[in-house]
Amino acid sequence: MYPLQGEHMPKKKLTKAQVNKKLQSIRKALYDLFLDKFAYGTESYMPMSAKKIEQFHKDTVSAILRLKK
């Protein structure tokens, strides 16, 4: 059995295009969160630091580039 079962488990393996699309949407969302945190600092509702958001963004971009190989 799979460790993550339930209604959120994909029924089939995602295609390369689907994975790329999901990673791109994550990248865009992280960029928006980073800009908000950077612009508003402690007044931003984003609970993570700008440095942590930037690291997640770099990791996501790295995954996108690896996917394209």
PDB file of N, CA and C in Angstrom:
ATOM      1  N   MET A   1       0.826  -1.188   0.000  1.00  0.00           N
ATOM      2  CA  MET A   1       0.000   0.000   0.000  1.00  0.00           C
ATOM      3  C   MET A   1       0.870   1.251   0.000  1.00  0.00           C
ATOM      4  N   TYR A   2       0.315   2.308  -0.576  1.00  0.00           N
ATOM      5  CA  TYR A   2       1.001   3.585  -0.605  1.00  0.00           C
ATOM      6  C   TYR A   2       0.864   4.288   0.743  1.00  0.00           C
ATOM      7  N   PRO A   3       1.898   5.010   1.159  1.00  0.00           N
ATOM      8  CA  PRO A   3       1.804   5.712   2.440  1.00  0.00           C
ATOM      9  C   PRO A   3       0.798   6.868   2.407  1.00  0.00           C
ATOM     10  N   LEU A   4       0.576   7.467   1.241  1.00  0.00           N
ATOM     11  CA  LEU A   4      -0.356   8.589   1.127  1.00  0.00           C
ATOM     12  C   LEU A   4      -1.551   8.174   0.287  1.00  0.00           C
ATOM     13  N   GLN A   5      -2.554   7.670   0.902  1.00  0.00           N
ATOM     14  CA  GLN A   5      -3.743   7.273   0.180  1.00  0.00           C
ATOM     15  C   GLN A   5      -4.882   8.196   0.548  1.00  0.00           C
ATOM     16  N   GLY A   6      -5.878   8.229  -0.293  1.00  0.00           N
ATOM     17  CA  GLY A   6      -7.040   9.045  -0.017  1.00  0.00           C
ATOM     18  C   GLY A   6      -7.452   9.811  -1.247  1.00  0.00           C
ATOM     19  N   GLU A   7      -8.313  10.776  -1.045  1.00  0.00           N
ATOM     20  CA  GLU A   7      -8.873  11.511  -2.162  1.00  0.00           C
ATOM     21  C   GLU A   7      -7.860  12.418  -2.856  1.00  0.00           C
ATOM     22  N   HIS A   8      -6.743  12.753  -2.204  1.00  0.00           N
ATOM     23  CA  HIS A   8      -5.754  13.650  -2.795  1.00  0.00           C
ATOM     24  C   HIS A   8      -4.664  12.899  -3.544  1.00  0.00           C
ATOM     25  N   MET A   9      -4.715  11.613  -3.549  1.00  0.00           N
ATOM     26  CA  MET A   9      -3.715  10.802  -4.236  1.00  0.00           C
ATOM     27  C   MET A   9      -4.034  10.776  -5.730  1.00  0.00           C
ATOM     28  N   PRO A  10      -3.073  11.122  -6.601  1.00  0.00           N
ATOM     29  CA  PRO A  10      -3.340  11.060  -8.038  1.00  0.00           C
ATOM     30  C   PRO A  10      -3.635   9.626  -8.476  1.00  0.00           C
ATOM     31  N   LYS A  11      -4.570   9.512  -9.399  1.00  0.00           N
ATOM     32  CA  LYS A  11      -4.951   8.186  -9.868  1.00  0.00           C
ATOM     33  C   LYS A  11      -3.917   7.616 -10.836  1.00  0.00           C
ATOM     34  N   LYS A  12      -3.330   8.485 -11.634  1.00  0.00           N
ATOM     35  CA  LYS A  12      -2.306   8.060 -12.579  1.00  0.00           C
ATOM     36  C   LYS A  12      -1.066   8.932 -12.415  1.00  0.00           C
ATOM     37  N   LYS A  13       0.025   8.446 -12.940  1.00  0.00           N
ATOM     38  CA  LYS A  13       1.269   9.224 -12.907  1.00  0.00           C
ATOM     39  C   LYS A  13       1.085  10.491 -13.742  1.00  0.00           C
ATOM     40  N   LEU A  14       1.561  11.601 -13.228  1.00  0.00           N
ATOM     41  CA  LEU A  14       1.474  12.863 -13.949  1.00  0.00           C
ATOM     42  C   LEU A  14       2.420  12.840 -15.145  1.00  0.00           C
ATOM     43  N   THR A  15       2.001  13.482 -16.224  1.00  0.00           N
ATOM     44  CA  THR A  15       2.873  13.589 -17.390  1.00  0.00           C
ATOM     45  C   THR A  15       3.937  14.650 -17.114  1.00  0.00           C
ATOM     46  N   LYS A  16       4.945  14.664 -17.950  1.00  0.00           N
ATOM     47  CA  LYS A  16       6.020  15.645 -17.802  1.00  0.00           C
ATOM     48  C   LYS A  16       5.464  17.069 -17.939  1.00  0.00           C
ATOM     49  N   ALA A  17       4.526  17.257 -18.856  1.00  0.00           N
ATOM     50  CA  ALA A  17       3.922  18.571 -19.056  1.00  0.00           C
ATOM     51  C   ALA A  17       3.102  18.994 -17.826  1.00  0.00           C
ATOM     52  N   GLN A  18       2.380  18.056 -17.228  1.00  0.00           N
ATOM     53  CA  GLN A  18       1.599  18.367 -16.034  1.00  0.00           C
ATOM     54  C   GLN A  18       2.498  18.746 -14.864  1.00  0.00           C
ATOM     55  N   VAL A  19       3.591  18.005 -14.707  1.00  0.00           N
ATOM     56  CA  VAL A  19       4.546  18.306 -13.636  1.00  0.00           C
ATOM     57  C   VAL A  19       5.151  19.692 -13.859  1.00  0.00           C
ATOM     58  N   ASN A  20       5.519  19.985 -15.094  1.00  0.00           N
ATOM     59  CA  ASN A  20       6.100  21.287 -15.415  1.00  0.00           C
ATOM     60  C   ASN A  20       5.110  22.408 -15.111  1.00  0.00           C
ATOM     61  N   LYS A  21       3.858  22.224 -15.484  1.00  0.00           N
ATOM     62  CA  LYS A  21       2.830  23.238 -15.241  1.00  0.00           C
ATOM     63  C   LYS A  21       2.647  23.488 -13.740  1.00  0.00           C
ATOM     64  N   LYS A  22       2.627  22.422 -12.950  1.00  0.00           N
ATOM     65  CA  LYS A  22       2.463  22.561 -11.502  1.00  0.00           C
ATOM     66  C   LYS A  22       3.677  23.244 -10.875  1.00  0.00           C
ATOM     67  N   LEU A  23       4.879  22.880 -11.328  1.00  0.00           N
ATOM     68  CA  LEU A  23       6.090  23.519 -10.808  1.00  0.00           C
ATOM     69  C   LEU A  23       6.130  24.997 -11.172  1.00  0.00           C
ATOM     70  N   GLN A  24       5.686  25.333 -12.384  1.00  0.00           N
ATOM     71  CA  GLN A  24       5.665  26.741 -12.805  1.00  0.00           C
ATOM     72  C   GLN A  24       4.698  27.544 -11.945  1.00  0.00           C
ATOM     73  N   SER A  25       3.544  26.964 -11.605  1.00  0.00           N
ATOM     74  CA  SER A  25       2.586  27.688 -10.768  1.00  0.00           C
ATOM     75  C   SER A  25       3.144  27.866  -9.355  1.00  0.00           C
ATOM     76  N   ILE A  26       3.872  26.869  -8.849  1.00  0.00           N
ATOM     77  CA  ILE A  26       4.528  27.003  -7.545  1.00  0.00           C
ATOM     78  C   ILE A  26       5.567  28.113  -7.599  1.00  0.00           C
ATOM     79  N   ARG A  27       6.349  28.142  -8.683  1.00  0.00           N
ATOM     80  CA  ARG A  27       7.383  29.170  -8.839  1.00  0.00           C
ATOM     81  C   ARG A  27       6.777  30.565  -8.838  1.00  0.00           C
ATOM     82  N   LYS A  28       5.691  30.744  -9.569  1.00  0.00           N
ATOM     83  CA  LYS A  28       5.039  32.054  -9.640  1.00  0.00           C
ATOM     84  C   LYS A  28       4.477  32.465  -8.285  1.00  0.00           C
ATOM     85  N   ALA A  29       3.866  31.527  -7.577  1.00  0.00           N
ATOM     86  CA  ALA A  29       3.302  31.834  -6.261  1.00  0.00           C
ATOM     87  C   ALA A  29       4.402  32.216  -5.275  1.00  0.00           C
ATOM     88  N   LEU A  30       5.516  31.488  -5.297  1.00  0.00           N
ATOM     89  CA  LEU A  30       6.627  31.803  -4.407  1.00  0.00           C
ATOM     90  C   LEU A  30       7.204  33.180  -4.714  1.00  0.00           C
ATOM     91  N   TYR A  31       7.270  33.534  -5.991  1.00  0.00           N
ATOM     92  CA  TYR A  31       7.776  34.844  -6.384  1.00  0.00           C
ATOM     93  C   TYR A  31       6.876  35.944  -5.839  1.00  0.00           C
ATOM     94  N   ASP A  32       5.544  35.763  -5.966  1.00  0.00           N
ATOM     95  CA  ASP A  32       4.602  36.750  -5.438  1.00  0.00           C
ATOM     96  C   ASP A  32       4.743  36.887  -3.925  1.00  0.00           C
ATOM     97  N   LEU A  33       4.886  35.761  -3.231  1.00  0.00           N
ATOM     98  CA  LEU A  33       5.054  35.794  -1.774  1.00  0.00           C
ATOM     99  C   LEU A  33       6.351  36.492  -1.385  1.00  0.00           C
ATOM    100  N   PHE A  34       7.412  36.218  -2.152  1.00  0.00           N
ATOM    101  CA  PHE A  34       8.694  36.857  -1.876  1.00  0.00           C
ATOM    102  C   PHE A  34       8.600  38.370  -2.051  1.00  0.00           C
ATOM    103  N   LEU A  35       7.951  38.816  -3.137  1.00  0.00           N
ATOM    104  CA  LEU A  35       7.825  40.255  -3.375  1.00  0.00           C
ATOM    105  C   LEU A  35       7.023  40.932  -2.261  1.00  0.00           C
ATOM    106  N   ASP A  36       5.970  40.270  -1.797  1.00  0.00           N
ATOM    107  CA  ASP A  36       5.167  40.814  -0.706  1.00  0.00           C
ATOM    108  C   ASP A  36       6.001  40.932   0.569  1.00  0.00           C
ATOM    109  N   LYS A  37       6.723  39.878   0.883  1.00  0.00           N
ATOM    110  CA  LYS A  37       7.543  39.881   2.098  1.00  0.00           C
ATOM    111  C   LYS A  37       8.658  40.917   1.994  1.00  0.00           C
ATOM    112  N   PHE A  38       9.266  41.012   0.823  1.00  0.00           N
ATOM    113  CA  PHE A  38      10.359  41.957   0.620  1.00  0.00           C
ATOM    114  C   PHE A  38       9.858  43.400   0.708  1.00  0.00           C
ATOM    115  N   ALA A  39       8.687  43.667   0.146  1.00  0.00           N
ATOM    116  CA  ALA A  39       8.154  45.029   0.111  1.00  0.00           C
ATOM    117  C   ALA A  39       7.617  45.472   1.474  1.00  0.00           C
ATOM    118  N   TYR A  40       6.955  44.562   2.197  1.00  0.00           N
ATOM    119  CA  TYR A  40       6.273  44.951   3.426  1.00  0.00           C
ATOM    120  C   TYR A  40       6.951  44.466   4.697  1.00  0.00           C
ATOM    121  N   GLY A  41       7.949  43.618   4.554  1.00  0.00           N
ATOM    122  CA  GLY A  41       8.731  43.186   5.713  1.00  0.00           C
ATOM    123  C   GLY A  41       7.887  42.586   6.821  1.00  0.00           C
ATOM    124  N   THR A  42       8.000  43.137   8.027  1.00  0.00           N
ATOM    125  CA  THR A  42       7.288  42.579   9.176  1.00  0.00           C
ATOM    126  C   THR A  42       5.786  42.825   9.113  1.00  0.00           C
ATOM    127  N   GLU A  43       5.342  43.750   8.276  1.00  0.00           N
ATOM    128  CA  GLU A  43       3.911  44.010   8.123  1.00  0.00           C
ATOM    129  C   GLU A  43       3.235  43.009   7.191  1.00  0.00           C
ATOM    130  N   SER A  44       4.018  42.227   6.471  1.00  0.00           N
ATOM    131  CA  SER A  44       3.470  41.208   5.581  1.00  0.00           C
ATOM    132  C   SER A  44       2.841  40.089   6.407  1.00  0.00           C
ATOM    133  N   TYR A  45       1.787  39.495   5.883  1.00  0.00           N
ATOM    134  CA  TYR A  45       1.137  38.374   6.561  1.00  0.00           C
ATOM    135  C   TYR A  45       1.857  37.051   6.304  1.00  0.00           C
ATOM    136  N   MET A  46       2.875  37.083   5.475  1.00  0.00           N
ATOM    137  CA  MET A  46       3.643  35.878   5.183  1.00  0.00           C
ATOM    138  C   MET A  46       4.508  35.540   6.388  1.00  0.00           C
ATOM    139  N   PRO A  47       4.299  34.361   7.017  1.00  0.00           N
ATOM    140  CA  PRO A  47       5.018  34.047   8.250  1.00  0.00           C
ATOM    141  C   PRO A  47       6.463  33.590   8.045  1.00  0.00           C
ATOM    142  N   MET A  48       6.848  33.280   6.812  1.00  0.00           N
ATOM    143  CA  MET A  48       8.219  32.815   6.566  1.00  0.00           C
ATOM    144  C   MET A  48       9.121  33.997   6.239  1.00  0.00           C
ATOM    145  N   SER A  49      10.414  33.805   6.436  1.00  0.00           N
ATOM    146  CA  SER A  49      11.369  34.856   6.106  1.00  0.00           C
ATOM    147  C   SER A  49      11.561  34.926   4.596  1.00  0.00           C
ATOM    148  N   ALA A  50      11.996  36.089   4.130  1.00  0.00           N
ATOM    149  CA  ALA A  50      12.259  36.269   2.704  1.00  0.00           C
ATOM    150  C   ALA A  50      13.362  35.318   2.248  1.00  0.00           C
ATOM    151  N   LYS A  51      14.322  35.076   3.105  1.00  0.00           N
ATOM    152  CA  LYS A  51      15.436  34.179   2.772  1.00  0.00           C
ATOM    153  C   LYS A  51      14.927  32.747   2.537  1.00  0.00           C
ATOM    154  N   LYS A  52      13.994  32.294   3.381  1.00  0.00           N
ATOM    155  CA  LYS A  52      13.443  30.947   3.250  1.00  0.00           C
ATOM    156  C   LYS A  52      12.605  30.831   1.972  1.00  0.00           C
ATOM    157  N   ILE A  53      11.811  31.856   1.678  1.00  0.00           N
ATOM    158  CA  ILE A  53      11.003  31.857   0.452  1.00  0.00           C
ATOM    159  C   ILE A  53      11.916  31.833  -0.762  1.00  0.00           C
ATOM    160  N   GLU A  54      12.993  32.613  -0.713  1.00  0.00           N
ATOM    161  CA  GLU A  54      13.946  32.654  -1.820  1.00  0.00           C
ATOM    162  C   GLU A  54      14.586  31.282  -2.033  1.00  0.00           C
ATOM    163  N   GLN A  55      14.896  30.579  -0.953  1.00  0.00           N
ATOM    164  CA  GLN A  55      15.494  29.245  -1.065  1.00  0.00           C
ATOM    165  C   GLN A  55      14.512  28.258  -1.706  1.00  0.00           C
ATOM    166  N   PHE A  56      13.227  28.322  -1.285  1.00  0.00           N
ATOM    167  CA  PHE A  56      12.211  27.467  -1.902  1.00  0.00           C
ATOM    168  C   PHE A  56      12.094  27.772  -3.393  1.00  0.00           C
ATOM    169  N   HIS A  57      12.159  29.063  -3.739  1.00  0.00           N
ATOM    170  CA  HIS A  57      12.062  29.462  -5.140  1.00  0.00           C
ATOM    171  C   HIS A  57      13.236  28.909  -5.939  1.00  0.00           C
ATOM    172  N   LYS A  58      14.446  29.016  -5.388  1.00  0.00           N
ATOM    173  CA  LYS A  58      15.637  28.484  -6.065  1.00  0.00           C
ATOM    174  C   LYS A  58      15.527  26.975  -6.267  1.00  0.00           C
ATOM    175  N   ASP A  59      15.034  26.266  -5.236  1.00  0.00           N
ATOM    176  CA  ASP A  59      14.866  24.819  -5.335  1.00  0.00           C
ATOM    177  C   ASP A  59      13.849  24.451  -6.417  1.00  0.00           C
ATOM    178  N   THR A  60      12.775  25.231  -6.499  1.00  0.00           N
ATOM    179  CA  THR A  60      11.747  24.973  -7.509  1.00  0.00           C
ATOM    180  C   THR A  60      12.293  25.224  -8.907  1.00  0.00           C
ATOM    181  N   VAL A  61      13.005  26.316  -9.093  1.00  0.00           N
ATOM    182  CA  VAL A  61      13.606  26.615 -10.396  1.00  0.00           C
ATOM    183  C   VAL A  61      14.600  25.525 -10.779  1.00  0.00           C
ATOM    184  N   SER A  62      15.368  25.048  -9.819  1.00  0.00           N
ATOM    185  CA  SER A  62      16.316  23.966 -10.068  1.00  0.00           C
ATOM    186  C   SER A  62      15.586  22.701 -10.530  1.00  0.00           C
ATOM    187  N   ALA A  63      14.463  22.401  -9.900  1.00  0.00           N
ATOM    188  CA  ALA A  63      13.676  21.222 -10.290  1.00  0.00           C
ATOM    189  C   ALA A  63      13.127  21.389 -11.704  1.00  0.00           C
ATOM    190  N   ILE A  64      12.690  22.593 -12.035  1.00  0.00           N
ATOM    191  CA  ILE A  64      12.175  22.860 -13.394  1.00  0.00           C
ATOM    192  C   ILE A  64      13.270  22.654 -14.423  1.00  0.00           C
ATOM    193  N   LEU A  65      14.453  23.153 -14.133  1.00  0.00           N
ATOM    194  CA  LEU A  65      15.574  22.997 -15.074  1.00  0.00           C
ATOM    195  C   LEU A  65      15.983  21.533 -15.227  1.00  0.00           C
ATOM    196  N   ARG A  66      15.953  20.772 -14.126  1.00  0.00           N
ATOM    197  CA  ARG A  66      16.267  19.340 -14.200  1.00  0.00           C
ATOM    198  C   ARG A  66      15.217  18.595 -15.016  1.00  0.00           C
ATOM    199  N   LEU A  67      13.979  19.025 -14.927  1.00  0.00           N
ATOM    200  CA  LEU A  67      12.884  18.386 -15.664  1.00  0.00           C
ATOM    201  C   LEU A  67      13.061  18.560 -17.163  1.00  0.00           C
ATOM    202  N   LYS A  68      13.626  19.684 -17.563  1.00  0.00           N
ATOM    203  CA  LYS A  68      13.769  19.990 -18.992  1.00  0.00           C
ATOM    204  C   LYS A  68      14.902  19.230 -19.661  1.00  0.00           C
ATOM    205  N   LYS A  69      15.756  18.569 -18.864  1.00  0.00           N
ATOM    206  CA  LYS A  69      16.884  17.811 -19.442  1.00  0.00           C
ATOM    207  C   LYS A  69      16.408  16.530 -20.067  1.00  0.00           C
TER     208      LYS A  69
END
